[in-house]
Amino acid sequence: MKISVKVDYAARVMTELARLHGSGGLAQIEHLARTEAVPANFLAQILLQLRDAGLITSRRGNHGGYTLARPPEEISLHDILVAVEGGCLHLSGNHEGRSGRRLKRVWDEISEVLDEKTKTYTLDQLCTKTAGEMYYI
C-alpha cells in the first residue's frame, strides 16, 4: 500500500491550517506552499478538493485565503483521505477465481481497520508540538 503524494501534501497543508486556526487570519496559498514544501500549482488543485469536501473554506481577493471549515479536533486524517482519494484502500473490483471472494473479504477487513485507525488521528493532534519537535536558538 502506498500513500499518494497528493494525500501527503493535503495532510501537511491541513496540519498547517490547523496551526493557524483561531488566529483570525486566512492562509494564502503562497504561505502554505512555502511552509509545507508543496508546489503551488499542485496545491491549488488539492485545496479545491478539500474545499469541495467541506474541510476548508476560501475567500477571494487581496485579503483572501484559506481556513479550516471546522475546528481541528473535528477533522481526521480519514476525512482528508476520503476528500482526496475517496478512501483508504481501493480494491480492483475483480473478485473472480477460486480465491477472489475470500481475498475480497480479507481486503475489506483490512480496509475497515485502516478506516478506523485513520479516524483516530485529528488535526489538533498532528499540529501539536512535542518536545522533540521544538527548536531552540
N, C-alpha and C. Protein backbone atom coordinates (compact mmCIF):
# COMPACT_ATOMS: atom_id res chain seq x y z
N MET A 1 0.84 -1.18 0.00
CA MET A 1 0.00 0.00 0.00
C MET A 1 0.89 1.24 0.00
N LYS A 2 0.50 2.21 -0.77
CA LYS A 2 1.28 3.44 -0.88
C LYS A 2 0.37 4.65 -0.69
N ILE A 3 0.80 5.57 0.15
CA ILE A 3 0.07 6.82 0.33
C ILE A 3 0.52 7.76 -0.79
N SER A 4 -0.42 8.30 -1.52
CA SER A 4 -0.07 9.16 -2.66
C SER A 4 0.55 10.48 -2.17
N VAL A 5 1.31 11.08 -3.05
CA VAL A 5 1.90 12.39 -2.77
C VAL A 5 0.79 13.40 -2.51
N LYS A 6 -0.30 13.26 -3.24
CA LYS A 6 -1.43 14.18 -3.09
C LYS A 6 -2.01 14.12 -1.67
N VAL A 7 -2.17 12.93 -1.14
CA VAL A 7 -2.68 12.76 0.23
C VAL A 7 -1.68 13.32 1.24
N ASP A 8 -0.41 13.03 1.02
CA ASP A 8 0.63 13.54 1.91
C ASP A 8 0.62 15.07 1.93
N TYR A 9 0.60 15.69 0.76
CA TYR A 9 0.55 17.14 0.69
C TYR A 9 -0.71 17.69 1.36
N ALA A 10 -1.84 17.06 1.10
CA ALA A 10 -3.10 17.52 1.69
C ALA A 10 -3.04 17.47 3.21
N ALA A 11 -2.52 16.38 3.75
CA ALA A 11 -2.42 16.24 5.21
C ALA A 11 -1.48 17.29 5.80
N ARG A 12 -0.37 17.55 5.12
CA ARG A 12 0.58 18.55 5.62
C ARG A 12 -0.02 19.95 5.60
N VAL A 13 -0.70 20.29 4.52
CA VAL A 13 -1.30 21.62 4.41
C VAL A 13 -2.45 21.77 5.41
N MET A 14 -3.23 20.73 5.60
CA MET A 14 -4.30 20.79 6.59
C MET A 14 -3.74 20.94 8.00
N THR A 15 -2.59 20.32 8.26
CA THR A 15 -1.95 20.47 9.57
C THR A 15 -1.49 21.91 9.78
N GLU A 16 -0.96 22.53 8.73
CA GLU A 16 -0.56 23.94 8.84
C GLU A 16 -1.79 24.82 9.06
N LEU A 17 -2.88 24.54 8.38
CA LEU A 17 -4.11 25.31 8.60
C LEU A 17 -4.60 25.13 10.04
N ALA A 18 -4.41 23.95 10.59
CA ALA A 18 -4.80 23.71 11.99
C ALA A 18 -3.94 24.54 12.93
N ARG A 19 -2.64 24.67 12.62
CA ARG A 19 -1.75 25.50 13.45
C ARG A 19 -2.22 26.95 13.46
N LEU A 20 -2.73 27.41 12.32
CA LEU A 20 -3.16 28.80 12.19
C LEU A 20 -4.59 29.03 12.66
N HIS A 21 -5.32 27.94 12.90
CA HIS A 21 -6.74 28.04 13.27
C HIS A 21 -6.92 28.87 14.54
N GLY A 22 -7.87 29.76 14.50
CA GLY A 22 -8.15 30.60 15.66
C GLY A 22 -7.38 31.90 15.68
N SER A 23 -6.47 32.09 14.75
CA SER A 23 -5.67 33.32 14.72
C SER A 23 -6.46 34.48 14.11
N GLY A 24 -7.57 34.16 13.44
CA GLY A 24 -8.39 35.20 12.82
C GLY A 24 -8.00 35.52 11.39
N GLY A 25 -6.85 35.06 10.96
CA GLY A 25 -6.39 35.33 9.60
C GLY A 25 -6.62 34.16 8.68
N LEU A 26 -6.45 34.44 7.40
CA LEU A 26 -6.55 33.40 6.39
C LEU A 26 -5.15 33.11 5.84
N ALA A 27 -4.91 31.87 5.51
CA ALA A 27 -3.61 31.48 4.97
C ALA A 27 -3.65 31.59 3.45
N GLN A 28 -2.68 32.29 2.90
CA GLN A 28 -2.57 32.38 1.44
C GLN A 28 -1.85 31.15 0.90
N ILE A 29 -2.15 30.84 -0.35
CA ILE A 29 -1.59 29.66 -0.98
C ILE A 29 -0.06 29.71 -1.01
N GLU A 30 0.51 30.90 -1.17
CA GLU A 30 1.96 31.04 -1.20
C GLU A 30 2.57 30.61 0.13
N HIS A 31 1.94 31.03 1.23
CA HIS A 31 2.42 30.65 2.56
C HIS A 31 2.34 29.13 2.74
N LEU A 32 1.21 28.54 2.39
CA LEU A 32 1.04 27.10 2.55
C LEU A 32 2.04 26.32 1.71
N ALA A 33 2.23 26.76 0.46
CA ALA A 33 3.16 26.08 -0.44
C ALA A 33 4.59 26.16 0.09
N ARG A 34 4.99 27.33 0.55
CA ARG A 34 6.34 27.53 1.06
C ARG A 34 6.56 26.77 2.37
N THR A 35 5.64 26.89 3.29
CA THR A 35 5.77 26.28 4.62
C THR A 35 5.80 24.76 4.56
N GLU A 36 4.99 24.19 3.70
CA GLU A 36 4.89 22.73 3.64
C GLU A 36 5.60 22.12 2.43
N ALA A 37 6.35 22.94 1.69
CA ALA A 37 7.14 22.47 0.53
C ALA A 37 6.28 21.72 -0.47
N VAL A 38 5.19 22.37 -0.87
CA VAL A 38 4.26 21.81 -1.85
C VAL A 38 4.24 22.72 -3.06
N PRO A 39 4.37 22.19 -4.28
CA PRO A 39 4.29 23.03 -5.47
C PRO A 39 2.95 23.77 -5.51
N ALA A 40 2.99 25.08 -5.70
CA ALA A 40 1.78 25.92 -5.62
C ALA A 40 0.71 25.50 -6.62
N ASN A 41 1.08 25.15 -7.84
CA ASN A 41 0.09 24.74 -8.84
C ASN A 41 -0.64 23.47 -8.42
N PHE A 42 0.11 22.51 -7.90
CA PHE A 42 -0.48 21.26 -7.42
C PHE A 42 -1.34 21.52 -6.19
N LEU A 43 -0.87 22.41 -5.34
CA LEU A 43 -1.60 22.75 -4.12
C LEU A 43 -2.96 23.35 -4.44
N ALA A 44 -3.04 24.16 -5.48
CA ALA A 44 -4.32 24.76 -5.86
C ALA A 44 -5.36 23.68 -6.15
N GLN A 45 -4.96 22.62 -6.83
CA GLN A 45 -5.87 21.51 -7.12
C GLN A 45 -6.31 20.80 -5.84
N ILE A 46 -5.35 20.59 -4.95
CA ILE A 46 -5.65 19.90 -3.69
C ILE A 46 -6.61 20.74 -2.85
N LEU A 47 -6.37 22.04 -2.78
CA LEU A 47 -7.24 22.92 -1.99
C LEU A 47 -8.66 22.92 -2.53
N LEU A 48 -8.82 22.83 -3.84
CA LEU A 48 -10.17 22.74 -4.42
C LEU A 48 -10.88 21.49 -3.94
N GLN A 49 -10.18 20.37 -3.92
CA GLN A 49 -10.78 19.12 -3.45
C GLN A 49 -11.15 19.22 -1.97
N LEU A 50 -10.28 19.79 -1.18
CA LEU A 50 -10.55 19.94 0.25
C LEU A 50 -11.73 20.87 0.49
N ARG A 51 -11.83 21.93 -0.32
CA ARG A 51 -12.95 22.86 -0.20
C ARG A 51 -14.25 22.18 -0.62
N ASP A 52 -14.20 21.45 -1.74
CA ASP A 52 -15.40 20.75 -2.22
C ASP A 52 -15.89 19.70 -1.22
N ALA A 53 -14.96 19.15 -0.44
CA ALA A 53 -15.33 18.16 0.58
C ALA A 53 -15.80 18.82 1.88
N GLY A 54 -15.76 20.15 1.94
CA GLY A 54 -16.24 20.86 3.12
C GLY A 54 -15.24 20.90 4.27
N LEU A 55 -13.96 20.62 3.99
CA LEU A 55 -12.96 20.64 5.06
C LEU A 55 -12.34 22.02 5.25
N ILE A 56 -12.33 22.82 4.20
CA ILE A 56 -11.80 24.18 4.30
C ILE A 56 -12.76 25.14 3.62
N THR A 57 -12.59 26.40 3.94
CA THR A 57 -13.32 27.46 3.25
C THR A 57 -12.30 28.40 2.64
N SER A 58 -12.73 29.12 1.62
CA SER A 58 -11.81 30.05 0.96
C SER A 58 -12.52 31.37 0.72
N ARG A 59 -11.69 32.40 0.61
CA ARG A 59 -12.20 33.73 0.29
C ARG A 59 -11.26 34.33 -0.75
N ARG A 60 -11.83 34.91 -1.77
CA ARG A 60 -11.04 35.52 -2.84
C ARG A 60 -10.65 36.94 -2.48
N GLY A 61 -9.70 37.46 -3.24
CA GLY A 61 -9.33 38.86 -3.11
C GLY A 61 -7.99 39.06 -2.43
N ASN A 62 -7.62 40.35 -2.28
CA ASN A 62 -6.34 40.70 -1.67
C ASN A 62 -6.17 40.15 -0.26
N HIS A 63 -7.25 40.12 0.48
CA HIS A 63 -7.19 39.63 1.86
C HIS A 63 -7.81 38.23 1.96
N GLY A 64 -7.82 37.55 0.84
CA GLY A 64 -8.40 36.21 0.79
C GLY A 64 -7.42 35.15 1.25
N GLY A 65 -7.89 33.93 1.24
CA GLY A 65 -7.06 32.81 1.63
C GLY A 65 -7.91 31.64 2.06
N TYR A 66 -7.31 30.77 2.86
CA TYR A 66 -7.95 29.52 3.26
C TYR A 66 -7.93 29.37 4.78
N THR A 67 -8.96 28.70 5.26
CA THR A 67 -9.03 28.37 6.68
C THR A 67 -9.83 27.08 6.83
N LEU A 68 -9.69 26.44 7.98
CA LEU A 68 -10.45 25.22 8.23
C LEU A 68 -11.93 25.54 8.33
N ALA A 69 -12.76 24.65 7.84
CA ALA A 69 -14.21 24.82 7.92
C ALA A 69 -14.75 24.40 9.29
N ARG A 70 -13.98 23.57 9.99
CA ARG A 70 -14.37 23.09 11.32
C ARG A 70 -13.15 23.15 12.23
N PRO A 71 -13.34 23.07 13.52
CA PRO A 71 -12.19 23.05 14.43
C PRO A 71 -11.28 21.86 14.15
N PRO A 72 -9.97 21.99 14.41
CA PRO A 72 -9.01 20.93 14.12
C PRO A 72 -9.35 19.58 14.77
N GLU A 73 -9.95 19.62 15.94
CA GLU A 73 -10.28 18.37 16.63
C GLU A 73 -11.44 17.63 15.98
N GLU A 74 -12.11 18.27 15.02
CA GLU A 74 -13.23 17.64 14.31
C GLU A 74 -12.87 17.16 12.91
N ILE A 75 -11.61 17.30 12.52
CA ILE A 75 -11.17 16.86 11.19
C ILE A 75 -10.10 15.80 11.37
N SER A 76 -10.37 14.62 10.82
CA SER A 76 -9.45 13.50 10.98
C SER A 76 -8.64 13.25 9.71
N LEU A 77 -7.61 12.47 9.87
CA LEU A 77 -6.81 12.03 8.74
C LEU A 77 -7.70 11.26 7.75
N HIS A 78 -8.66 10.55 8.27
CA HIS A 78 -9.61 9.83 7.42
C HIS A 78 -10.41 10.80 6.55
N ASP A 79 -10.84 11.91 7.12
CA ASP A 79 -11.58 12.92 6.34
C ASP A 79 -10.74 13.41 5.16
N ILE A 80 -9.46 13.61 5.40
CA ILE A 80 -8.55 14.10 4.36
C ILE A 80 -8.37 13.04 3.28
N LEU A 81 -8.15 11.80 3.69
CA LEU A 81 -8.01 10.70 2.75
C LEU A 81 -9.23 10.55 1.85
N VAL A 82 -10.40 10.62 2.45
CA VAL A 82 -11.64 10.49 1.69
C VAL A 82 -11.80 11.66 0.72
N ALA A 83 -11.47 12.87 1.17
CA ALA A 83 -11.60 14.05 0.32
C ALA A 83 -10.70 13.96 -0.90
N VAL A 84 -9.49 13.44 -0.72
CA VAL A 84 -8.50 13.44 -1.80
C VAL A 84 -8.54 12.16 -2.64
N GLU A 85 -8.68 11.01 -1.98
CA GLU A 85 -8.59 9.73 -2.69
C GLU A 85 -9.90 8.94 -2.71
N GLY A 86 -10.86 9.33 -1.90
CA GLY A 86 -12.11 8.59 -1.85
C GLY A 86 -12.14 7.50 -0.79
N GLY A 87 -11.02 7.22 -0.18
CA GLY A 87 -10.95 6.20 0.86
C GLY A 87 -9.52 5.77 1.11
N CYS A 88 -9.36 4.82 2.03
CA CYS A 88 -8.02 4.36 2.41
C CYS A 88 -7.49 3.26 1.50
N LEU A 89 -8.34 2.35 1.12
CA LEU A 89 -7.90 1.19 0.35
C LEU A 89 -8.88 0.98 -0.80
N HIS A 90 -8.35 0.92 -2.00
CA HIS A 90 -9.19 0.74 -3.19
C HIS A 90 -8.95 -0.64 -3.76
N LEU A 91 -10.01 -1.40 -3.91
CA LEU A 91 -9.92 -2.74 -4.49
C LEU A 91 -10.18 -2.66 -5.98
N SER A 92 -9.63 -3.62 -6.71
CA SER A 92 -9.73 -3.62 -8.17
C SER A 92 -11.15 -3.84 -8.66
N GLY A 93 -11.94 -4.54 -7.90
CA GLY A 93 -13.30 -4.84 -8.34
C GLY A 93 -13.40 -6.21 -8.99
N ASN A 94 -12.29 -6.84 -9.28
CA ASN A 94 -12.27 -8.18 -9.86
C ASN A 94 -12.07 -9.19 -8.74
N HIS A 95 -13.13 -9.89 -8.38
CA HIS A 95 -13.07 -10.85 -7.28
C HIS A 95 -13.39 -12.25 -7.77
N GLU A 96 -13.03 -12.50 -9.01
CA GLU A 96 -13.31 -13.81 -9.61
C GLU A 96 -12.24 -14.81 -9.23
N GLY A 97 -12.41 -16.00 -9.69
CA GLY A 97 -11.44 -17.05 -9.44
C GLY A 97 -11.71 -17.75 -8.13
N ARG A 98 -10.96 -18.77 -7.89
CA ARG A 98 -11.15 -19.61 -6.71
C ARG A 98 -10.99 -18.83 -5.41
N SER A 99 -10.04 -17.92 -5.37
CA SER A 99 -9.74 -17.21 -4.12
C SER A 99 -10.28 -15.79 -4.07
N GLY A 100 -10.88 -15.33 -5.15
CA GLY A 100 -11.31 -13.93 -5.26
C GLY A 100 -12.21 -13.44 -4.14
N ARG A 101 -13.27 -14.19 -3.85
CA ARG A 101 -14.22 -13.73 -2.82
C ARG A 101 -13.60 -13.75 -1.43
N ARG A 102 -12.80 -14.77 -1.15
CA ARG A 102 -12.15 -14.84 0.17
C ARG A 102 -11.18 -13.68 0.34
N LEU A 103 -10.38 -13.42 -0.69
CA LEU A 103 -9.45 -12.30 -0.60
C LEU A 103 -10.18 -10.97 -0.48
N LYS A 104 -11.29 -10.83 -1.16
CA LYS A 104 -12.08 -9.59 -1.04
C LYS A 104 -12.50 -9.38 0.41
N ARG A 105 -12.95 -10.44 1.08
CA ARG A 105 -13.35 -10.32 2.49
C ARG A 105 -12.16 -9.88 3.35
N VAL A 106 -10.99 -10.44 3.09
CA VAL A 106 -9.79 -10.07 3.85
C VAL A 106 -9.44 -8.61 3.59
N TRP A 107 -9.42 -8.21 2.32
CA TRP A 107 -9.12 -6.81 2.00
C TRP A 107 -10.15 -5.87 2.61
N ASP A 108 -11.40 -6.26 2.62
CA ASP A 108 -12.44 -5.43 3.25
C ASP A 108 -12.19 -5.27 4.75
N GLU A 109 -11.77 -6.36 5.41
CA GLU A 109 -11.44 -6.28 6.84
C GLU A 109 -10.27 -5.33 7.08
N ILE A 110 -9.25 -5.45 6.25
CA ILE A 110 -8.08 -4.57 6.37
C ILE A 110 -8.49 -3.13 6.13
N SER A 111 -9.36 -2.90 5.16
CA SER A 111 -9.84 -1.54 4.87
C SER A 111 -10.58 -0.96 6.06
N GLU A 112 -11.40 -1.77 6.72
CA GLU A 112 -12.13 -1.30 7.90
C GLU A 112 -11.18 -0.89 9.01
N VAL A 113 -10.13 -1.67 9.22
CA VAL A 113 -9.13 -1.35 10.25
C VAL A 113 -8.43 -0.03 9.91
N LEU A 114 -8.04 0.12 8.64
CA LEU A 114 -7.41 1.37 8.22
C LEU A 114 -8.35 2.56 8.41
N ASP A 115 -9.61 2.39 8.03
CA ASP A 115 -10.58 3.46 8.22
C ASP A 115 -10.67 3.88 9.69
N GLU A 116 -10.83 2.89 10.56
CA GLU A 116 -10.97 3.18 11.99
C GLU A 116 -9.71 3.83 12.56
N LYS A 117 -8.54 3.35 12.16
CA LYS A 117 -7.29 3.91 12.69
C LYS A 117 -7.10 5.35 12.22
N THR A 118 -7.36 5.64 10.94
CA THR A 118 -7.17 7.00 10.45
C THR A 118 -8.19 7.97 11.04
N LYS A 119 -9.31 7.46 11.50
CA LYS A 119 -10.30 8.32 12.16
C LYS A 119 -9.83 8.76 13.55
N THR A 120 -8.86 8.05 14.12
CA THR A 120 -8.40 8.39 15.48
C THR A 120 -7.39 9.54 15.49
N TYR A 121 -6.82 9.88 14.35
CA TYR A 121 -5.85 10.97 14.28
C TYR A 121 -6.52 12.24 13.76
N THR A 122 -6.59 13.25 14.60
CA THR A 122 -7.21 14.51 14.21
C THR A 122 -6.14 15.58 14.04
N LEU A 123 -6.53 16.66 13.37
CA LEU A 123 -5.57 17.72 13.07
C LEU A 123 -4.99 18.36 14.32
N ASP A 124 -5.77 18.47 15.38
CA ASP A 124 -5.22 19.06 16.60
C ASP A 124 -4.07 18.20 17.16
N GLN A 125 -4.14 16.89 16.97
CA GLN A 125 -3.06 16.01 17.41
C GLN A 125 -1.85 16.15 16.49
N LEU A 126 -2.09 16.31 15.21
CA LEU A 126 -0.99 16.39 14.24
C LEU A 126 -0.22 17.70 14.34
N CYS A 127 -0.86 18.76 14.76
CA CYS A 127 -0.17 20.06 14.80
C CYS A 127 0.40 20.40 16.17
N THR A 128 0.19 19.56 17.16
CA THR A 128 0.73 19.80 18.49
C THR A 128 2.22 19.50 18.49
N LYS A 129 3.01 20.44 18.98
CA LYS A 129 4.44 20.24 19.07
C LYS A 129 4.78 19.38 20.27
N THR A 130 5.67 18.43 20.02
CA THR A 130 6.20 17.63 21.12
C THR A 130 7.58 18.16 21.44
N ALA A 131 8.13 17.74 22.54
CA ALA A 131 9.45 18.24 22.95
C ALA A 131 10.51 18.00 21.89
N GLY A 132 10.42 16.87 21.17
CA GLY A 132 11.38 16.55 20.14
C GLY A 132 11.28 17.42 18.91
N GLU A 133 10.15 18.11 18.73
CA GLU A 133 9.95 18.93 17.56
C GLU A 133 10.23 20.41 17.82
N MET A 134 10.44 20.78 19.07
CA MET A 134 10.68 22.17 19.38
C MET A 134 12.11 22.57 19.00
N TYR A 135 12.24 23.79 18.56
CA TYR A 135 13.54 24.28 18.15
C TYR A 135 14.00 25.35 19.12
N TYR A 136 15.25 25.28 19.49
CA TYR A 136 15.81 26.25 20.43
C TYR A 136 16.93 27.03 19.76
N ILE A 137 17.00 28.31 20.04
CA ILE A 137 18.04 29.16 19.46
C ILE A 137 19.06 29.49 20.52
